[in-house]
Amino acid sequence: MATRQNSSSGKPKSPRIQVVLPEELCYRLTALAEQECRTVSNMAKVLIQQGVQRLEQAGSSGVQTPTPTERLRSALEAQQPRRLRGAPRRLRLHRPG
């Protein structure tokens, strides 16, 4: 059963679970998280969401249409992170002298 904790402000936090992974799977998950600039926890959450959604869609007889929020979330998660090229340039301000 997932445990739920309260934050210091008293608001309930998201439920938490504990998962034991084989060492090889843990390395693979860590590598995927690094590729997508995510934490290992967030990468695991995304993969679990995708797996559950896939299983639910396969189990249902009708085709489910994803909600606009789900489509947006999927599109954002599918994007590759963009990195800045080179060091940021400094702007020189001309002060009237």
PDB file of N, CA and C in Angstrom:
ATOM      1  N   MET A   1       0.837  -1.171   0.000  1.00  0.00           N
ATOM      2  CA  MET A   1       0.000   0.000   0.000  1.00  0.00           C
ATOM      3  C   MET A   1       0.887   1.242   0.000  1.00  0.00           C
ATOM      4  N   ALA A   2       0.552   2.227  -0.795  1.00  0.00           N
ATOM      5  CA  ALA A   2       1.317   3.462  -0.860  1.00  0.00           C
ATOM      6  C   ALA A   2       1.133   4.255   0.430  1.00  0.00           C
ATOM      7  N   THR A   3       2.203   4.906   0.860  1.00  0.00           N
ATOM      8  CA  THR A   3       2.121   5.728   2.061  1.00  0.00           C
ATOM      9  C   THR A   3       1.974   7.184   1.657  1.00  0.00           C
ATOM     10  N   ARG A   4       1.273   7.930   2.459  1.00  0.00           N
ATOM     11  CA  ARG A   4       1.062   9.353   2.189  1.00  0.00           C
ATOM     12  C   ARG A   4       1.573  10.129   3.395  1.00  0.00           C
ATOM     13  N   GLN A   5       2.382  11.142   3.127  1.00  0.00           N
ATOM     14  CA  GLN A   5       2.922  11.977   4.184  1.00  0.00           C
ATOM     15  C   GLN A   5       2.367  13.382   4.026  1.00  0.00           C
ATOM     16  N   ASN A   6       2.538  14.186   5.061  1.00  0.00           N
ATOM     17  CA  ASN A   6       2.129  15.578   5.007  1.00  0.00           C
ATOM     18  C   ASN A   6       3.374  16.459   4.959  1.00  0.00           C
ATOM     19  N   SER A   7       3.271  17.566   4.212  1.00  0.00           N
ATOM     20  CA  SER A   7       4.384  18.510   4.152  1.00  0.00           C
ATOM     21  C   SER A   7       4.391  19.341   5.424  1.00  0.00           C
ATOM     22  N   SER A   8       5.397  20.183   5.564  1.00  0.00           N
ATOM     23  CA  SER A   8       5.492  21.023   6.759  1.00  0.00           C
ATOM     24  C   SER A   8       4.335  22.008   6.843  1.00  0.00           C
ATOM     25  N   SER A   9       3.722  22.316   5.690  1.00  0.00           N
ATOM     26  CA  SER A   9       2.568  23.225   5.697  1.00  0.00           C
ATOM     27  C   SER A   9       1.262  22.487   6.004  1.00  0.00           C
ATOM     28  N   GLY A  10       1.334  21.160   6.125  1.00  0.00           N
ATOM     29  CA  GLY A  10       0.147  20.374   6.443  1.00  0.00           C
ATOM     30  C   GLY A  10      -0.569  19.801   5.237  1.00  0.00           C
ATOM     31  N   LYS A  11      -0.143  20.196   4.030  1.00  0.00           N
ATOM     32  CA  LYS A  11      -0.781  19.678   2.821  1.00  0.00           C
ATOM     33  C   LYS A  11      -0.289  18.250   2.572  1.00  0.00           C
ATOM     34  N   PRO A  12      -1.174  17.363   2.099  1.00  0.00           N
ATOM     35  CA  PRO A  12      -0.740  15.989   1.833  1.00  0.00           C
ATOM     36  C   PRO A  12       0.181  15.926   0.618  1.00  0.00           C
ATOM     37  N   LYS A  13       1.246  15.127   0.734  1.00  0.00           N
ATOM     38  CA  LYS A  13       2.163  14.903  -0.382  1.00  0.00           C
ATOM     39  C   LYS A  13       1.622  13.769  -1.245  1.00  0.00           C
ATOM     40  N   SER A  14       2.197  13.610  -2.424  1.00  0.00           N
ATOM     41  CA  SER A  14       1.809  12.502  -3.303  1.00  0.00           C
ATOM     42  C   SER A  14       2.147  11.179  -2.626  1.00  0.00           C
ATOM     43  N   PRO A  15       1.344  10.135  -2.888  1.00  0.00           N
ATOM     44  CA  PRO A  15       1.646   8.828  -2.299  1.00  0.00           C
ATOM     45  C   PRO A  15       3.023   8.336  -2.743  1.00  0.00           C
ATOM     46  N   ARG A  16       3.690   7.605  -1.878  1.00  0.00           N
ATOM     47  CA  ARG A  16       5.031   7.096  -2.169  1.00  0.00           C
ATOM     48  C   ARG A  16       5.048   5.581  -2.038  1.00  0.00           C
ATOM     49  N   ILE A  17       5.812   4.966  -2.941  1.00  0.00           N
ATOM     50  CA  ILE A  17       5.994   3.520  -2.874  1.00  0.00           C
ATOM     51  C   ILE A  17       7.492   3.228  -2.902  1.00  0.00           C
ATOM     52  N   GLN A  18       7.850   2.044  -2.506  1.00  0.00           N
ATOM     53  CA  GLN A  18       9.242   1.621  -2.540  1.00  0.00           C
ATOM     54  C   GLN A  18       9.331   0.422  -3.471  1.00  0.00           C
ATOM     55  N   VAL A  19      10.303   0.459  -4.385  1.00  0.00           N
ATOM     56  CA  VAL A  19      10.466  -0.596  -5.375  1.00  0.00           C
ATOM     57  C   VAL A  19      11.898  -1.105  -5.299  1.00  0.00           C
ATOM     58  N   VAL A  20      12.060  -2.413  -5.351  1.00  0.00           N
ATOM     59  CA  VAL A  20      13.388  -3.020  -5.375  1.00  0.00           C
ATOM     60  C   VAL A  20      13.665  -3.464  -6.805  1.00  0.00           C
ATOM     61  N   LEU A  21      14.780  -2.983  -7.375  1.00  0.00           N
ATOM     62  CA  LEU A  21      15.132  -3.287  -8.761  1.00  0.00           C
ATOM     63  C   LEU A  21      16.404  -4.119  -8.817  1.00  0.00           C
ATOM     64  N   PRO A  22      16.496  -4.997  -9.811  1.00  0.00           N
ATOM     65  CA  PRO A  22      17.775  -5.671 -10.035  1.00  0.00           C
ATOM     66  C   PRO A  22      18.820  -4.617 -10.423  1.00  0.00           C
ATOM     67  N   GLU A  23      20.062  -4.877 -10.097  1.00  0.00           N
ATOM     68  CA  GLU A  23      21.136  -3.899 -10.324  1.00  0.00           C
ATOM     69  C   GLU A  23      21.225  -3.469 -11.789  1.00  0.00           C
ATOM     70  N   GLU A  24      21.119  -4.420 -12.710  1.00  0.00           N
ATOM     71  CA  GLU A  24      21.208  -4.110 -14.143  1.00  0.00           C
ATOM     72  C   GLU A  24      20.092  -3.151 -14.566  1.00  0.00           C
ATOM     73  N   LEU A  25      18.878  -3.407 -14.102  1.00  0.00           N
ATOM     74  CA  LEU A  25      17.747  -2.539 -14.446  1.00  0.00           C
ATOM     75  C   LEU A  25      17.931  -1.142 -13.850  1.00  0.00           C
ATOM     76  N   CYS A  26      18.488  -1.064 -12.662  1.00  0.00           N
ATOM     77  CA  CYS A  26      18.746   0.214 -12.020  1.00  0.00           C
ATOM     78  C   CYS A  26      19.754   1.030 -12.833  1.00  0.00           C
ATOM     79  N   TYR A  27      20.805   0.392 -13.342  1.00  0.00           N
ATOM     80  CA  TYR A  27      21.787   1.085 -14.189  1.00  0.00           C
ATOM     81  C   TYR A  27      21.126   1.599 -15.473  1.00  0.00           C
ATOM     82  N   ARG A  28      20.286   0.760 -16.068  1.00  0.00           N
ATOM     83  CA  ARG A  28      19.618   1.164 -17.316  1.00  0.00           C
ATOM     84  C   ARG A  28      18.672   2.343 -17.069  1.00  0.00           C
ATOM     85  N   LEU A  29      17.937   2.298 -15.955  1.00  0.00           N
ATOM     86  CA  LEU A  29      17.039   3.382 -15.606  1.00  0.00           C
ATOM     87  C   LEU A  29      17.815   4.678 -15.363  1.00  0.00           C
ATOM     88  N   THR A  30      18.933   4.577 -14.686  1.00  0.00           N
ATOM     89  CA  THR A  30      19.779   5.749 -14.424  1.00  0.00           C
ATOM     90  C   THR A  30      20.306   6.339 -15.721  1.00  0.00           C
ATOM     91  N   ALA A  31      20.726   5.481 -16.654  1.00  0.00           N
ATOM     92  CA  ALA A  31      21.233   5.963 -17.947  1.00  0.00           C
ATOM     93  C   ALA A  31      20.129   6.679 -18.727  1.00  0.00           C
ATOM     94  N   LEU A  32      18.920   6.120 -18.738  1.00  0.00           N
ATOM     95  CA  LEU A  32      17.800   6.772 -19.417  1.00  0.00           C
ATOM     96  C   LEU A  32      17.490   8.132 -18.790  1.00  0.00           C
ATOM     97  N   ALA A  33      17.521   8.192 -17.469  1.00  0.00           N
ATOM     98  CA  ALA A  33      17.237   9.448 -16.771  1.00  0.00           C
ATOM     99  C   ALA A  33      18.278  10.511 -17.139  1.00  0.00           C
ATOM    100  N   GLU A  34      19.529  10.123 -17.202  1.00  0.00           N
ATOM    101  CA  GLU A  34      20.587  11.075 -17.563  1.00  0.00           C
ATOM    102  C   GLU A  34      20.421  11.562 -18.999  1.00  0.00           C
ATOM    103  N   GLN A  35      20.030  10.671 -19.904  1.00  0.00           N
ATOM    104  CA  GLN A  35      19.833  11.056 -21.303  1.00  0.00           C
ATOM    105  C   GLN A  35      18.733  12.106 -21.440  1.00  0.00           C
ATOM    106  N   GLU A  36      17.724  12.021 -20.613  1.00  0.00           N
ATOM    107  CA  GLU A  36      16.585  12.930 -20.707  1.00  0.00           C
ATOM    108  C   GLU A  36      16.623  14.042 -19.668  1.00  0.00           C
ATOM    109  N   CYS A  37      17.765  14.185 -18.989  1.00  0.00           N
ATOM    110  CA  CYS A  37      17.933  15.244 -17.970  1.00  0.00           C
ATOM    111  C   CYS A  37      16.818  15.194 -16.923  1.00  0.00           C
ATOM    112  N   ARG A  38      16.545  13.999 -16.424  1.00  0.00           N
ATOM    113  CA  ARG A  38      15.523  13.804 -15.395  1.00  0.00           C
ATOM    114  C   ARG A  38      16.183  13.154 -14.184  1.00  0.00           C
ATOM    115  N   THR A  39      15.476  13.200 -13.054  1.00  0.00           N
ATOM    116  CA  THR A  39      15.915  12.429 -11.908  1.00  0.00           C
ATOM    117  C   THR A  39      15.517  10.966 -12.156  1.00  0.00           C
ATOM    118  N   VAL A  40      16.159  10.070 -11.455  1.00  0.00           N
ATOM    119  CA  VAL A  40      15.830   8.645 -11.606  1.00  0.00           C
ATOM    120  C   VAL A  40      14.386   8.413 -11.167  1.00  0.00           C
ATOM    121  N   SER A  41      13.972   9.078 -10.096  1.00  0.00           N
ATOM    122  CA  SER A  41      12.607   8.936  -9.602  1.00  0.00           C
ATOM    123  C   SER A  41      11.589   9.408 -10.639  1.00  0.00           C
ATOM    124  N   ASN A  42      11.857  10.562 -11.259  1.00  0.00           N
ATOM    125  CA  ASN A  42      10.933  11.083 -12.261  1.00  0.00           C
ATOM    126  C   ASN A  42      10.899  10.186 -13.491  1.00  0.00           C
ATOM    127  N   MET A  43      12.053   9.655 -13.898  1.00  0.00           N
ATOM    128  CA  MET A  43      12.091   8.760 -15.058  1.00  0.00           C
ATOM    129  C   MET A  43      11.282   7.499 -14.776  1.00  0.00           C
ATOM    130  N   ALA A  44      11.410   6.962 -13.570  1.00  0.00           N
ATOM    131  CA  ALA A  44      10.640   5.774 -13.196  1.00  0.00           C
ATOM    132  C   ALA A  44       9.142   6.085 -13.228  1.00  0.00           C
ATOM    133  N   LYS A  45       8.751   7.264 -12.740  1.00  0.00           N
ATOM    134  CA  LYS A  45       7.342   7.663 -12.743  1.00  0.00           C
ATOM    135  C   LYS A  45       6.802   7.739 -14.167  1.00  0.00           C
ATOM    136  N   VAL A  46       7.575   8.357 -15.069  1.00  0.00           N
ATOM    137  CA  VAL A  46       7.144   8.495 -16.463  1.00  0.00           C
ATOM    138  C   VAL A  46       6.980   7.120 -17.103  1.00  0.00           C
ATOM    139  N   LEU A  47       7.948   6.238 -16.901  1.00  0.00           N
ATOM    140  CA  LEU A  47       7.876   4.905 -17.504  1.00  0.00           C
ATOM    141  C   LEU A  47       6.722   4.090 -16.933  1.00  0.00           C
ATOM    142  N   ILE A  48       6.468   4.234 -15.644  1.00  0.00           N
ATOM    143  CA  ILE A  48       5.329   3.533 -15.032  1.00  0.00           C
ATOM    144  C   ILE A  48       4.017   4.065 -15.604  1.00  0.00           C
ATOM    145  N   GLN A  49       3.907   5.400 -15.743  1.00  0.00           N
ATOM    146  CA  GLN A  49       2.693   5.987 -16.328  1.00  0.00           C
ATOM    147  C   GLN A  49       2.456   5.450 -17.732  1.00  0.00           C
ATOM    148  N   GLN A  50       3.516   5.413 -18.548  1.00  0.00           N
ATOM    149  CA  GLN A  50       3.375   4.927 -19.925  1.00  0.00           C
ATOM    150  C   GLN A  50       2.983   3.455 -19.949  1.00  0.00           C
ATOM    151  N   GLY A  51       3.589   2.658 -19.083  1.00  0.00           N
ATOM    152  CA  GLY A  51       3.276   1.230 -19.039  1.00  0.00           C
ATOM    153  C   GLY A  51       1.845   0.965 -18.594  1.00  0.00           C
ATOM    154  N   VAL A  52       1.397   1.676 -17.573  1.00  0.00           N
ATOM    155  CA  VAL A  52       0.029   1.505 -17.088  1.00  0.00           C
ATOM    156  C   VAL A  52      -0.964   1.939 -18.164  1.00  0.00           C
ATOM    157  N   GLN A  53      -0.680   3.066 -18.809  1.00  0.00           N
ATOM    158  CA  GLN A  53      -1.569   3.553 -19.865  1.00  0.00           C
ATOM    159  C   GLN A  53      -1.640   2.541 -21.010  1.00  0.00           C
ATOM    160  N   ARG A  54      -0.507   1.983 -21.396  1.00  0.00           N
ATOM    161  CA  ARG A  54      -0.464   0.995 -22.479  1.00  0.00           C
ATOM    162  C   ARG A  54      -1.262  -0.252 -22.106  1.00  0.00           C
ATOM    163  N   LEU A  55      -1.112  -0.717 -20.876  1.00  0.00           N
ATOM    164  CA  LEU A  55      -1.853  -1.900 -20.431  1.00  0.00           C
ATOM    165  C   LEU A  55      -3.353  -1.626 -20.371  1.00  0.00           C
ATOM    166  N   GLU A  56      -3.719  -0.435 -19.889  1.00  0.00           N
ATOM    167  CA  GLU A  56      -5.142  -0.096 -19.828  1.00  0.00           C
ATOM    168  C   GLU A  56      -5.746  -0.020 -21.224  1.00  0.00           C
ATOM    169  N   GLN A  57      -5.013   0.548 -22.166  1.00  0.00           N
ATOM    170  CA  GLN A  57      -5.520   0.648 -23.531  1.00  0.00           C
ATOM    171  C   GLN A  57      -5.617  -0.729 -24.186  1.00  0.00           C
ATOM    172  N   ALA A  58      -4.658  -1.603 -23.913  1.00  0.00           N
ATOM    173  CA  ALA A  58      -4.687  -2.948 -24.485  1.00  0.00           C
ATOM    174  C   ALA A  58      -5.829  -3.770 -23.881  1.00  0.00           C
ATOM    175  N   GLY A  59      -6.152  -3.512 -22.617  1.00  0.00           N
ATOM    176  CA  GLY A  59      -7.197  -4.276 -21.935  1.00  0.00           C
ATOM    177  C   GLY A  59      -8.595  -3.817 -22.261  1.00  0.00           C
ATOM    178  N   SER A  60      -8.752  -2.584 -22.696  1.00  0.00           N
ATOM    179  CA  SER A  60     -10.095  -2.089 -22.991  1.00  0.00           C
ATOM    180  C   SER A  60     -10.494  -2.488 -24.403  1.00  0.00           C
ATOM    181  N   SER A  61     -11.752  -2.818 -24.568  1.00  0.00           N
ATOM    182  CA  SER A  61     -12.224  -3.247 -25.890  1.00  0.00           C
ATOM    183  C   SER A  61     -12.361  -2.077 -26.852  1.00  0.00           C
ATOM    184  N   GLY A  62     -12.745  -0.909 -26.337  1.00  0.00           N
ATOM    185  CA  GLY A  62     -12.885   0.280 -27.176  1.00  0.00           C
ATOM    186  C   GLY A  62     -11.588   1.076 -27.185  1.00  0.00           C
ATOM    187  N   VAL A  63     -11.452   1.925 -28.154  1.00  0.00           N
ATOM    188  CA  VAL A  63     -10.261   2.758 -28.243  1.00  0.00           C
ATOM    189  C   VAL A  63     -10.499   4.012 -27.420  1.00  0.00           C
ATOM    190  N   GLN A  64      -9.588   4.269 -26.471  1.00  0.00           N
ATOM    191  CA  GLN A  64      -9.713   5.460 -25.648  1.00  0.00           C
ATOM    192  C   GLN A  64      -9.018   6.633 -26.332  1.00  0.00           C
ATOM    193  N   THR A  65      -9.686   7.757 -26.355  1.00  0.00           N
ATOM    194  CA  THR A  65      -9.083   8.966 -26.894  1.00  0.00           C
ATOM    195  C   THR A  65      -8.429   9.711 -25.746  1.00  0.00           C
ATOM    196  N   PRO A  66      -7.124   9.995 -25.867  1.00  0.00           N
ATOM    197  CA  PRO A  66      -6.468  10.710 -24.765  1.00  0.00           C
ATOM    198  C   PRO A  66      -7.031  12.119 -24.621  1.00  0.00           C
ATOM    199  N   THR A  67      -7.095  12.576 -23.387  1.00  0.00           N
ATOM    200  CA  THR A  67      -7.581  13.926 -23.118  1.00  0.00           C
ATOM    201  C   THR A  67      -6.539  14.932 -23.608  1.00  0.00           C
ATOM    202  N   PRO A  68      -6.950  16.178 -23.812  1.00  0.00           N
ATOM    203  CA  PRO A  68      -5.968  17.197 -24.228  1.00  0.00           C
ATOM    204  C   PRO A  68      -4.795  17.309 -23.253  1.00  0.00           C
ATOM    205  N   THR A  69      -5.057  17.157 -21.962  1.00  0.00           N
ATOM    206  CA  THR A  69      -3.980  17.223 -20.971  1.00  0.00           C
ATOM    207  C   THR A  69      -3.004  16.071 -21.165  1.00  0.00           C
ATOM    208  N   GLU A  70      -3.520  14.860 -21.401  1.00  0.00           N
ATOM    209  CA  GLU A  70      -2.654  13.702 -21.622  1.00  0.00           C
ATOM    210  C   GLU A  70      -1.830  13.870 -22.895  1.00  0.00           C
ATOM    211  N   ARG A  71      -2.456  14.423 -23.952  1.00  0.00           N
ATOM    212  CA  ARG A  71      -1.717  14.641 -25.201  1.00  0.00           C
ATOM    213  C   ARG A  71      -0.599  15.656 -25.000  1.00  0.00           C
ATOM    214  N   LEU A  72      -0.885  16.737 -24.262  1.00  0.00           N
ATOM    215  CA  LEU A  72       0.125  17.750 -23.987  1.00  0.00           C
ATOM    216  C   LEU A  72       1.255  17.165 -23.160  1.00  0.00           C
ATOM    217  N   ARG A  73       0.905  16.402 -22.116  1.00  0.00           N
ATOM    218  CA  ARG A  73       1.924  15.789 -21.265  1.00  0.00           C
ATOM    219  C   ARG A  73       2.806  14.855 -22.085  1.00  0.00           C
ATOM    220  N   SER A  74       2.206  14.036 -22.929  1.00  0.00           N
ATOM    221  CA  SER A  74       2.974  13.104 -23.751  1.00  0.00           C
ATOM    222  C   SER A  74       3.895  13.844 -24.714  1.00  0.00           C
ATOM    223  N   ALA A  75       3.374  14.922 -25.313  1.00  0.00           N
ATOM    224  CA  ALA A  75       4.191  15.699 -26.252  1.00  0.00           C
ATOM    225  C   ALA A  75       5.365  16.345 -25.542  1.00  0.00           C
ATOM    226  N   LEU A  76       5.141  16.880 -24.338  1.00  0.00           N
ATOM    227  CA  LEU A  76       6.233  17.501 -23.593  1.00  0.00           C
ATOM    228  C   LEU A  76       7.261  16.476 -23.139  1.00  0.00           C
ATOM    229  N   GLU A  77       6.803  15.298 -22.712  1.00  0.00           N
ATOM    230  CA  GLU A  77       7.727  14.268 -22.259  1.00  0.00           C
ATOM    231  C   GLU A  77       8.518  13.670 -23.412  1.00  0.00           C
ATOM    232  N   ALA A  78       7.964  13.727 -24.622  1.00  0.00           N
ATOM    233  CA  ALA A  78       8.661  13.174 -25.785  1.00  0.00           C
ATOM    234  C   ALA A  78       9.725  14.116 -26.323  1.00  0.00           C
ATOM    235  N   GLN A  79       9.671  15.388 -25.937  1.00  0.00           N
ATOM    236  CA  GLN A  79      10.656  16.351 -26.438  1.00  0.00           C
ATOM    237  C   GLN A  79      12.041  16.056 -25.880  1.00  0.00           C
ATOM    238  N   GLN A  80      13.028  16.255 -26.705  1.00  0.00           N
ATOM    239  CA  GLN A  80      14.406  16.106 -26.273  1.00  0.00           C
ATOM    240  C   GLN A  80      14.835  17.402 -25.585  1.00  0.00           C
ATOM    241  N   PRO A  81      15.624  17.296 -24.510  1.00  0.00           N
ATOM    242  CA  PRO A  81      16.079  18.520 -23.855  1.00  0.00           C
ATOM    243  C   PRO A  81      17.013  19.298 -24.769  1.00  0.00           C
ATOM    244  N   ARG A  82      16.919  20.610 -24.712  1.00  0.00           N
ATOM    245  CA  ARG A  82      17.782  21.461 -25.522  1.00  0.00           C
ATOM    246  C   ARG A  82      18.854  22.056 -24.633  1.00  0.00           C
ATOM    247  N   ARG A  83      20.062  21.997 -25.090  1.00  0.00           N
ATOM    248  CA  ARG A  83      21.177  22.532 -24.317  1.00  0.00           C
ATOM    249  C   ARG A  83      21.691  23.799 -24.971  1.00  0.00           C
ATOM    250  N   LEU A  84      22.194  24.704 -24.140  1.00  0.00           N
ATOM    251  CA  LEU A  84      22.801  25.913 -24.660  1.00  0.00           C
ATOM    252  C   LEU A  84      24.140  25.558 -25.294  1.00  0.00           C
ATOM    253  N   ARG A  85      24.463  26.224 -26.371  1.00  0.00           N
ATOM    254  CA  ARG A  85      25.753  25.985 -27.017  1.00  0.00           C
ATOM    255  C   ARG A  85      26.718  27.074 -26.590  1.00  0.00           C
ATOM    256  N   GLY A  86      27.817  26.665 -26.015  1.00  0.00           N
ATOM    257  CA  GLY A  86      28.822  27.623 -25.591  1.00  0.00           C
ATOM    258  C   GLY A  86      28.408  28.358 -24.331  1.00  0.00           C
ATOM    259  N   ALA A  87      29.309  29.208 -23.888  1.00  0.00           N
ATOM    260  CA  ALA A  87      29.047  29.984 -22.682  1.00  0.00           C
ATOM    261  C   ALA A  87      28.099  31.137 -23.013  1.00  0.00           C
ATOM    262  N   PRO A  88      27.299  31.525 -22.045  1.00  0.00           N
ATOM    263  CA  PRO A  88      26.423  32.664 -22.289  1.00  0.00           C
ATOM    264  C   PRO A  88      27.252  33.921 -22.562  1.00  0.00           C
ATOM    265  N   ARG A  89      26.805  34.745 -23.464  1.00  0.00           N
ATOM    266  CA  ARG A  89      27.516  35.965 -23.809  1.00  0.00           C
ATOM    267  C   ARG A  89      27.053  37.097 -22.898  1.00  0.00           C
ATOM    268  N   ARG A  90      28.005  37.923 -22.550  1.00  0.00           N
ATOM    269  CA  ARG A  90      27.659  39.078 -21.718  1.00  0.00           C
ATOM    270  C   ARG A  90      27.257  40.236 -22.602  1.00  0.00           C
ATOM    271  N   LEU A  91      26.283  40.941 -22.159  1.00  0.00           N
ATOM    272  CA  LEU A  91      25.843  42.129 -22.878  1.00  0.00           C
ATOM    273  C   LEU A  91      26.592  43.335 -22.316  1.00  0.00           C
ATOM    274  N   ARG A  92      27.065  44.180 -23.207  1.00  0.00           N
ATOM    275  CA  ARG A  92      27.722  45.399 -22.766  1.00  0.00           C
ATOM    276  C   ARG A  92      26.747  46.540 -22.899  1.00  0.00           C
ATOM    277  N   LEU A  93      26.533  47.219 -21.830  1.00  0.00           N
ATOM    278  CA  LEU A  93      25.641  48.359 -21.824  1.00  0.00           C
ATOM    279  C   LEU A  93      26.476  49.622 -22.006  1.00  0.00           C
ATOM    280  N   HIS A  94      26.055  50.467 -22.902  1.00  0.00           N
ATOM    281  CA  HIS A  94      26.748  51.733 -23.150  1.00  0.00           C
ATOM    282  C   HIS A  94      26.111  52.784 -22.279  1.00  0.00           C
ATOM    283  N   ARG A  95      26.895  53.298 -21.367  1.00  0.00           N
ATOM    284  CA  ARG A  95      26.401  54.335 -20.477  1.00  0.00           C
ATOM    285  C   ARG A  95      26.821  55.695 -21.010  1.00  0.00           C
ATOM    286  N   PRO A  96      25.891  56.610 -21.069  1.00  0.00           N
ATOM    287  CA  PRO A  96      26.270  57.950 -21.544  1.00  0.00           C
ATOM    288  C   PRO A  96      27.268  58.561 -20.552  1.00  0.00           C
ATOM    289  N   GLY A  97      28.356  59.071 -21.076  1.00  0.00           N
ATOM    290  CA  GLY A  97      29.433  59.549 -20.217  1.00  0.00           C
ATOM    291  C   GLY A  97      29.614  60.961 -20.212  1.00  0.00           C
TER     292      GLY A  97
END
